[in-house]
Amino acid sequence: MKTSTGFGFVKRKDGSYAYQGATDDDLKLMRSHSSPAVQVKAAGGIRTLDDVLRYRSLGVTRISATATEAILTKAKRRGME
């Protein structure tokens, strides 16, 4: 996505990662080829808090998930805010 100061975050132009959703390899590749100022967005197939935490450890800064309520509920149960 282009912003007035440059690129704000990256993902595939159609917003998808094909049928399998975001893979660790896709996200590592985007992170390694983007400046630290560029955010990387993971989308597709993200269903659990552990998925979110794993992607964050890969440098992902934006998450798109249809299971947001379940993920937030699990985070609260683990004492996260």
PDB file of N, CA and C in Angstrom:
ATOM      1  N   MET A   1       0.844  -1.157   0.000  1.00  0.00           N
ATOM      2  CA  MET A   1       0.000   0.000   0.000  1.00  0.00           C
ATOM      3  C   MET A   1       0.898   1.232   0.000  1.00  0.00           C
ATOM      4  N   LYS A   2       0.633   2.164  -0.851  1.00  0.00           N
ATOM      5  CA  LYS A   2       1.417   3.387  -0.953  1.00  0.00           C
ATOM      6  C   LYS A   2       0.803   4.452  -0.049  1.00  0.00           C
ATOM      7  N   THR A   3       1.651   5.113   0.698  1.00  0.00           N
ATOM      8  CA  THR A   3       1.206   6.229   1.525  1.00  0.00           C
ATOM      9  C   THR A   3       1.926   7.485   1.057  1.00  0.00           C
ATOM     10  N   SER A   4       1.606   8.613   1.632  1.00  0.00           N
ATOM     11  CA  SER A   4       2.236   9.867   1.212  1.00  0.00           C
ATOM     12  C   SER A   4       3.728   9.889   1.512  1.00  0.00           C
ATOM     13  N   THR A   5       4.176   9.052   2.420  1.00  0.00           N
ATOM     14  CA  THR A   5       5.597   9.014   2.776  1.00  0.00           C
ATOM     15  C   THR A   5       6.317   7.807   2.184  1.00  0.00           C
ATOM     16  N   GLY A   6       5.622   7.020   1.391  1.00  0.00           N
ATOM     17  CA  GLY A   6       6.224   5.816   0.813  1.00  0.00           C
ATOM     18  C   GLY A   6       5.304   4.640   1.020  1.00  0.00           C
ATOM     19  N   PHE A   7       5.863   3.458   1.066  1.00  0.00           N
ATOM     20  CA  PHE A   7       5.045   2.265   1.239  1.00  0.00           C
ATOM     21  C   PHE A   7       4.785   2.022   2.719  1.00  0.00           C
ATOM     22  N   GLY A   8       3.518   1.835   3.068  1.00  0.00           N
ATOM     23  CA  GLY A   8       3.129   1.636   4.452  1.00  0.00           C
ATOM     24  C   GLY A   8       3.194   0.183   4.880  1.00  0.00           C
ATOM     25  N   PHE A   9       2.697  -0.738   4.038  1.00  0.00           N
ATOM     26  CA  PHE A   9       2.805  -2.160   4.325  1.00  0.00           C
ATOM     27  C   PHE A   9       2.685  -2.923   3.018  1.00  0.00           C
ATOM     28  N   VAL A  10       3.098  -4.186   3.034  1.00  0.00           N
ATOM     29  CA  VAL A  10       3.069  -4.988   1.820  1.00  0.00           C
ATOM     30  C   VAL A  10       2.208  -6.227   2.000  1.00  0.00           C
ATOM     31  N   LYS A  11       1.625  -6.640   0.908  1.00  0.00           N
ATOM     32  CA  LYS A  11       0.930  -7.908   0.776  1.00  0.00           C
ATOM     33  C   LYS A  11       0.754  -8.122  -0.718  1.00  0.00           C
ATOM     34  N   ARG A  12       0.256  -9.263  -1.120  1.00  0.00           N
ATOM     35  CA  ARG A  12       0.050  -9.492  -2.553  1.00  0.00           C
ATOM     36  C   ARG A  12      -0.971  -8.503  -3.081  1.00  0.00           C
ATOM     37  N   LYS A  13      -0.884  -8.149  -4.353  1.00  0.00           N
ATOM     38  CA  LYS A  13      -1.730  -7.098  -4.899  1.00  0.00           C
ATOM     39  C   LYS A  13      -3.219  -7.395  -4.796  1.00  0.00           C
ATOM     40  N   ASP A  14      -3.611  -8.658  -4.786  1.00  0.00           N
ATOM     41  CA  ASP A  14      -5.030  -8.985  -4.633  1.00  0.00           C
ATOM     42  C   ASP A  14      -5.405  -9.282  -3.186  1.00  0.00           C
ATOM     43  N   GLY A  15      -4.451  -9.120  -2.269  1.00  0.00           N
ATOM     44  CA  GLY A  15      -4.719  -9.318  -0.847  1.00  0.00           C
ATOM     45  C   GLY A  15      -4.683 -10.765  -0.401  1.00  0.00           C
ATOM     46  N   SER A  16      -4.383 -11.673  -1.309  1.00  0.00           N
ATOM     47  CA  SER A  16      -4.424 -13.090  -0.946  1.00  0.00           C
ATOM     48  C   SER A  16      -3.027 -13.702  -0.894  1.00  0.00           C
ATOM     49  N   TYR A  17      -2.958 -14.888  -0.362  1.00  0.00           N
ATOM     50  CA  TYR A  17      -1.751 -15.702  -0.359  1.00  0.00           C
ATOM     51  C   TYR A  17      -2.080 -17.039  -1.023  1.00  0.00           C
ATOM     52  N   ALA A  18      -2.973 -17.010  -2.018  1.00  0.00           N
ATOM     53  CA  ALA A  18      -3.487 -18.198  -2.689  1.00  0.00           C
ATOM     54  C   ALA A  18      -4.333 -19.011  -1.705  1.00  0.00           C
ATOM     55  N   TYR A  19      -4.639 -20.241  -2.048  1.00  0.00           N
ATOM     56  CA  TYR A  19      -5.595 -21.002  -1.236  1.00  0.00           C
ATOM     57  C   TYR A  19      -5.083 -21.377   0.138  1.00  0.00           C
ATOM     58  N   GLN A  20      -3.786 -21.500   0.331  1.00  0.00           N
ATOM     59  CA  GLN A  20      -3.268 -21.996   1.605  1.00  0.00           C
ATOM     60  C   GLN A  20      -3.143 -20.914   2.671  1.00  0.00           C
ATOM     61  N   GLY A  21      -3.372 -19.679   2.319  1.00  0.00           N
ATOM     62  CA  GLY A  21      -3.208 -18.607   3.290  1.00  0.00           C
ATOM     63  C   GLY A  21      -1.745 -18.228   3.432  1.00  0.00           C
ATOM     64  N   ALA A  22      -1.476 -17.370   4.362  1.00  0.00           N
ATOM     65  CA  ALA A  22      -0.112 -16.894   4.595  1.00  0.00           C
ATOM     66  C   ALA A  22       0.764 -18.047   5.056  1.00  0.00           C
ATOM     67  N   THR A  23       1.927 -18.162   4.454  1.00  0.00           N
ATOM     68  CA  THR A  23       2.874 -19.182   4.906  1.00  0.00           C
ATOM     69  C   THR A  23       4.068 -18.487   5.545  1.00  0.00           C
ATOM     70  N   ASP A  24       4.761 -19.209   6.377  1.00  0.00           N
ATOM     71  CA  ASP A  24       5.955 -18.643   7.004  1.00  0.00           C
ATOM     72  C   ASP A  24       6.949 -18.185   5.933  1.00  0.00           C
ATOM     73  N   ASP A  25       7.106 -18.981   4.890  1.00  0.00           N
ATOM     74  CA  ASP A  25       8.046 -18.626   3.822  1.00  0.00           C
ATOM     75  C   ASP A  25       7.638 -17.343   3.108  1.00  0.00           C
ATOM     76  N   ASP A  26       6.341 -17.184   2.802  1.00  0.00           N
ATOM     77  CA  ASP A  26       5.856 -15.945   2.170  1.00  0.00           C
ATOM     78  C   ASP A  26       6.205 -14.735   3.031  1.00  0.00           C
ATOM     79  N   LEU A  27       5.917 -14.861   4.304  1.00  0.00           N
ATOM     80  CA  LEU A  27       6.094 -13.730   5.217  1.00  0.00           C
ATOM     81  C   LEU A  27       7.563 -13.413   5.455  1.00  0.00           C
ATOM     82  N   LYS A  28       8.383 -14.444   5.571  1.00  0.00           N
ATOM     83  CA  LYS A  28       9.828 -14.227   5.722  1.00  0.00           C
ATOM     84  C   LYS A  28      10.391 -13.527   4.487  1.00  0.00           C
ATOM     85  N   LEU A  29       9.935 -13.938   3.307  1.00  0.00           N
ATOM     86  CA  LEU A  29      10.398 -13.334   2.059  1.00  0.00           C
ATOM     87  C   LEU A  29      10.024 -11.860   1.994  1.00  0.00           C
ATOM     88  N   MET A  30       8.766 -11.549   2.314  1.00  0.00           N
ATOM     89  CA  MET A  30       8.336 -10.141   2.300  1.00  0.00           C
ATOM     90  C   MET A  30       9.123  -9.321   3.315  1.00  0.00           C
ATOM     91  N   ARG A  31       9.311  -9.876   4.503  1.00  0.00           N
ATOM     92  CA  ARG A  31      10.034  -9.139   5.538  1.00  0.00           C
ATOM     93  C   ARG A  31      11.485  -8.895   5.108  1.00  0.00           C
ATOM     94  N   SER A  32      12.111  -9.888   4.509  1.00  0.00           N
ATOM     95  CA  SER A  32      13.524  -9.762   4.145  1.00  0.00           C
ATOM     96  C   SER A  32      13.748  -8.797   2.984  1.00  0.00           C
ATOM     97  N   HIS A  33      12.729  -8.554   2.190  1.00  0.00           N
ATOM     98  CA  HIS A  33      12.867  -7.665   1.030  1.00  0.00           C
ATOM     99  C   HIS A  33      12.187  -6.321   1.237  1.00  0.00           C
ATOM    100  N   SER A  34      11.797  -6.015   2.458  1.00  0.00           N
ATOM    101  CA  SER A  34      11.159  -4.735   2.778  1.00  0.00           C
ATOM    102  C   SER A  34      11.977  -4.025   3.831  1.00  0.00           C
ATOM    103  N   SER A  35      11.989  -2.719   3.770  1.00  0.00           N
ATOM    104  CA  SER A  35      12.708  -1.965   4.795  1.00  0.00           C
ATOM    105  C   SER A  35      11.986  -2.123   6.128  1.00  0.00           C
ATOM    106  N   PRO A  36      12.684  -1.888   7.230  1.00  0.00           N
ATOM    107  CA  PRO A  36      12.042  -2.008   8.548  1.00  0.00           C
ATOM    108  C   PRO A  36      10.849  -1.065   8.725  1.00  0.00           C
ATOM    109  N   ALA A  37      10.809   0.019   7.952  1.00  0.00           N
ATOM    110  CA  ALA A  37       9.705   0.972   8.050  1.00  0.00           C
ATOM    111  C   ALA A  37       8.428   0.464   7.379  1.00  0.00           C
ATOM    112  N   VAL A  38       8.555  -0.571   6.564  1.00  0.00           N
ATOM    113  CA  VAL A  38       7.400  -1.130   5.855  1.00  0.00           C
ATOM    114  C   VAL A  38       6.789  -2.242   6.697  1.00  0.00           C
ATOM    115  N   GLN A  39       5.470  -2.175   6.865  1.00  0.00           N
ATOM    116  CA  GLN A  39       4.771  -3.207   7.620  1.00  0.00           C
ATOM    117  C   GLN A  39       4.432  -4.378   6.701  1.00  0.00           C
ATOM    118  N   VAL A  40       4.447  -5.575   7.261  1.00  0.00           N
ATOM    119  CA  VAL A  40       4.071  -6.778   6.530  1.00  0.00           C
ATOM    120  C   VAL A  40       2.757  -7.292   7.106  1.00  0.00           C
ATOM    121  N   LYS A  41       1.807  -7.578   6.213  1.00  0.00           N
ATOM    122  CA  LYS A  41       0.482  -8.035   6.637  1.00  0.00           C
ATOM    123  C   LYS A  41       0.304  -9.507   6.305  1.00  0.00           C
ATOM    124  N   ALA A  42      -0.141 -10.282   7.290  1.00  0.00           N
ATOM    125  CA  ALA A  42      -0.476 -11.693   7.096  1.00  0.00           C
ATOM    126  C   ALA A  42      -1.989 -11.821   7.031  1.00  0.00           C
ATOM    127  N   ALA A  43      -2.460 -12.614   6.083  1.00  0.00           N
ATOM    128  CA  ALA A  43      -3.901 -12.830   5.936  1.00  0.00           C
ATOM    129  C   ALA A  43      -4.144 -14.217   5.370  1.00  0.00           C
ATOM    130  N   GLY A  44      -5.280 -14.771   5.710  1.00  0.00           N
ATOM    131  CA  GLY A  44      -5.672 -16.058   5.163  1.00  0.00           C
ATOM    132  C   GLY A  44      -5.254 -17.215   6.035  1.00  0.00           C
ATOM    133  N   GLY A  45      -6.215 -17.905   6.615  1.00  0.00           N
ATOM    134  CA  GLY A  45      -5.922 -19.098   7.395  1.00  0.00           C
ATOM    135  C   GLY A  45      -5.437 -18.851   8.806  1.00  0.00           C
ATOM    136  N   ILE A  46      -5.512 -17.618   9.282  1.00  0.00           N
ATOM    137  CA  ILE A  46      -5.068 -17.299  10.639  1.00  0.00           C
ATOM    138  C   ILE A  46      -6.255 -17.505  11.576  1.00  0.00           C
ATOM    139  N   ARG A  47      -6.186 -18.555  12.386  1.00  0.00           N
ATOM    140  CA  ARG A  47      -7.335 -18.944  13.200  1.00  0.00           C
ATOM    141  C   ARG A  47      -7.073 -18.957  14.701  1.00  0.00           C
ATOM    142  N   THR A  48      -5.797 -18.944  15.096  1.00  0.00           N
ATOM    143  CA  THR A  48      -5.502 -19.100  16.518  1.00  0.00           C
ATOM    144  C   THR A  48      -4.535 -18.027  17.015  1.00  0.00           C
ATOM    145  N   LEU A  49      -4.511 -17.862  18.315  1.00  0.00           N
ATOM    146  CA  LEU A  49      -3.562 -16.951  18.933  1.00  0.00           C
ATOM    147  C   LEU A  49      -2.133 -17.406  18.653  1.00  0.00           C
ATOM    148  N   ASP A  50      -1.904 -18.708  18.670  1.00  0.00           N
ATOM    149  CA  ASP A  50      -0.554 -19.205  18.372  1.00  0.00           C
ATOM    150  C   ASP A  50      -0.122 -18.844  16.952  1.00  0.00           C
ATOM    151  N   ASP A  51      -1.062 -18.848  15.992  1.00  0.00           N
ATOM    152  CA  ASP A  51      -0.746 -18.383  14.635  1.00  0.00           C
ATOM    153  C   ASP A  51      -0.278 -16.930  14.674  1.00  0.00           C
ATOM    154  N   VAL A  52      -1.038 -16.088  15.363  1.00  0.00           N
ATOM    155  CA  VAL A  52      -0.707 -14.667  15.458  1.00  0.00           C
ATOM    156  C   VAL A  52       0.675 -14.476  16.083  1.00  0.00           C
ATOM    157  N   LEU A  53       0.935 -15.159  17.175  1.00  0.00           N
ATOM    158  CA  LEU A  53       2.223 -15.015  17.858  1.00  0.00           C
ATOM    159  C   LEU A  53       3.385 -15.501  16.989  1.00  0.00           C
ATOM    160  N   ARG A  54       3.166 -16.590  16.244  1.00  0.00           N
ATOM    161  CA  ARG A  54       4.210 -17.085  15.346  1.00  0.00           C
ATOM    162  C   ARG A  54       4.499 -16.058  14.253  1.00  0.00           C
ATOM    163  N   TYR A  55       3.459 -15.497  13.658  1.00  0.00           N
ATOM    164  CA  TYR A  55       3.667 -14.504  12.599  1.00  0.00           C
ATOM    165  C   TYR A  55       4.331 -13.248  13.137  1.00  0.00           C
ATOM    166  N   ARG A  56       3.970 -12.852  14.323  1.00  0.00           N
ATOM    167  CA  ARG A  56       4.631 -11.682  14.935  1.00  0.00           C
ATOM    168  C   ARG A  56       6.128 -11.944  15.105  1.00  0.00           C
ATOM    169  N   SER A  57       6.480 -13.178  15.467  1.00  0.00           N
ATOM    170  CA  SER A  57       7.899 -13.502  15.645  1.00  0.00           C
ATOM    171  C   SER A  57       8.665 -13.462  14.322  1.00  0.00           C
ATOM    172  N   LEU A  58       7.945 -13.547  13.204  1.00  0.00           N
ATOM    173  CA  LEU A  58       8.563 -13.463  11.877  1.00  0.00           C
ATOM    174  C   LEU A  58       8.684 -12.019  11.387  1.00  0.00           C
ATOM    175  N   GLY A  59       8.178 -11.070  12.175  1.00  0.00           N
ATOM    176  CA  GLY A  59       8.266  -9.666  11.791  1.00  0.00           C
ATOM    177  C   GLY A  59       6.993  -9.090  11.205  1.00  0.00           C
ATOM    178  N   VAL A  60       5.911  -9.874  11.218  1.00  0.00           N
ATOM    179  CA  VAL A  60       4.624  -9.386  10.722  1.00  0.00           C
ATOM    180  C   VAL A  60       4.082  -8.338  11.698  1.00  0.00           C
ATOM    181  N   THR A  61       3.577  -7.240  11.156  1.00  0.00           N
ATOM    182  CA  THR A  61       3.056  -6.167  11.997  1.00  0.00           C
ATOM    183  C   THR A  61       1.553  -5.968  11.850  1.00  0.00           C
ATOM    184  N   ARG A  62       0.960  -6.588  10.825  1.00  0.00           N
ATOM    185  CA  ARG A  62      -0.479  -6.469  10.601  1.00  0.00           C
ATOM    186  C   ARG A  62      -1.051  -7.869  10.390  1.00  0.00           C
ATOM    187  N   ILE A  63      -2.208  -8.113  11.008  1.00  0.00           N
ATOM    188  CA  ILE A  63      -2.860  -9.413  10.909  1.00  0.00           C
ATOM    189  C   ILE A  63      -4.292  -9.194  10.433  1.00  0.00           C
ATOM    190  N   SER A  64      -4.730 -10.030   9.516  1.00  0.00           N
ATOM    191  CA  SER A  64      -6.120 -10.027   9.075  1.00  0.00           C
ATOM    192  C   SER A  64      -6.662 -11.427   9.325  1.00  0.00           C
ATOM    193  N   ALA A  65      -7.641 -11.523  10.223  1.00  0.00           N
ATOM    194  CA  ALA A  65      -8.161 -12.838  10.598  1.00  0.00           C
ATOM    195  C   ALA A  65      -9.670 -12.779  10.780  1.00  0.00           C
ATOM    196  N   THR A  66     -10.356 -13.801  10.313  1.00  0.00           N
ATOM    197  CA  THR A  66     -11.801 -13.869  10.531  1.00  0.00           C
ATOM    198  C   THR A  66     -12.125 -14.420  11.913  1.00  0.00           C
ATOM    199  N   ALA A  67     -11.150 -14.992  12.585  1.00  0.00           N
ATOM    200  CA  ALA A  67     -11.346 -15.567  13.918  1.00  0.00           C
ATOM    201  C   ALA A  67     -10.912 -14.595  15.011  1.00  0.00           C
ATOM    202  N   THR A  68     -11.063 -13.309  14.762  1.00  0.00           N
ATOM    203  CA  THR A  68     -10.575 -12.288  15.695  1.00  0.00           C
ATOM    204  C   THR A  68     -11.142 -12.463  17.103  1.00  0.00           C
ATOM    205  N   GLU A  69     -12.444 -12.702  17.217  1.00  0.00           N
ATOM    206  CA  GLU A  69     -13.054 -12.837  18.541  1.00  0.00           C
ATOM    207  C   GLU A  69     -12.450 -14.003  19.319  1.00  0.00           C
ATOM    208  N   ALA A  70     -12.290 -15.140  18.674  1.00  0.00           N
ATOM    209  CA  ALA A  70     -11.705 -16.315  19.333  1.00  0.00           C
ATOM    210  C   ALA A  70     -10.253 -16.053  19.717  1.00  0.00           C
ATOM    211  N   ILE A  71      -9.522 -15.370  18.856  1.00  0.00           N
ATOM    212  CA  ILE A  71      -8.116 -15.056  19.143  1.00  0.00           C
ATOM    213  C   ILE A  71      -8.011 -14.133  20.353  1.00  0.00           C
ATOM    214  N   LEU A  72      -8.848 -13.107  20.394  1.00  0.00           N
ATOM    215  CA  LEU A  72      -8.821 -12.164  21.523  1.00  0.00           C
ATOM    216  C   LEU A  72      -9.261 -12.825  22.821  1.00  0.00           C
ATOM    217  N   THR A  73     -10.242 -13.706  22.738  1.00  0.00           N
ATOM    218  CA  THR A  73     -10.697 -14.442  23.927  1.00  0.00           C
ATOM    219  C   THR A  73      -9.555 -15.291  24.493  1.00  0.00           C
ATOM    220  N   LYS A  74      -8.852 -15.977  23.621  1.00  0.00           N
ATOM    221  CA  LYS A  74      -7.719 -16.812  24.047  1.00  0.00           C
ATOM    222  C   LYS A  74      -6.616 -15.948  24.665  1.00  0.00           C
ATOM    223  N   ALA A  75      -6.353 -14.785  24.062  1.00  0.00           N
ATOM    224  CA  ALA A  75      -5.329 -13.883  24.591  1.00  0.00           C
ATOM    225  C   ALA A  75      -5.690 -13.422  26.002  1.00  0.00           C
ATOM    226  N   LYS A  76      -6.956 -13.101  26.224  1.00  0.00           N
ATOM    227  CA  LYS A  76      -7.403 -12.678  27.563  1.00  0.00           C
ATOM    228  C   LYS A  76      -7.234 -13.805  28.565  1.00  0.00           C
ATOM    229  N   ARG A  77      -7.537 -15.042  28.144  1.00  0.00           N
ATOM    230  CA  ARG A  77      -7.390 -16.200  29.030  1.00  0.00           C
ATOM    231  C   ARG A  77      -5.922 -16.416  29.426  1.00  0.00           C
ATOM    232  N   ARG A  78      -5.025 -16.040  28.523  1.00  0.00           N
ATOM    233  CA  ARG A  78      -3.591 -16.175  28.807  1.00  0.00           C
ATOM    234  C   ARG A  78      -3.039 -14.964  29.544  1.00  0.00           C
ATOM    235  N   GLY A  79      -3.895 -14.004  29.869  1.00  0.00           N
ATOM    236  CA  GLY A  79      -3.453 -12.833  30.620  1.00  0.00           C
ATOM    237  C   GLY A  79      -2.859 -11.732  29.765  1.00  0.00           C
ATOM    238  N   MET A  80      -3.095 -11.774  28.458  1.00  0.00           N
ATOM    239  CA  MET A  80      -2.589 -10.727  27.564  1.00  0.00           C
ATOM    240  C   MET A  80      -3.647  -9.645  27.416  1.00  0.00           C
ATOM    241  N   GLU A  81      -3.199  -8.439  27.207  1.00  0.00           N
ATOM    242  CA  GLU A  81      -4.146  -7.350  26.980  1.00  0.00           C
ATOM    243  C   GLU A  81      -4.003  -6.799  25.604  1.00  0.00           C
TER     244      GLU A  81
END
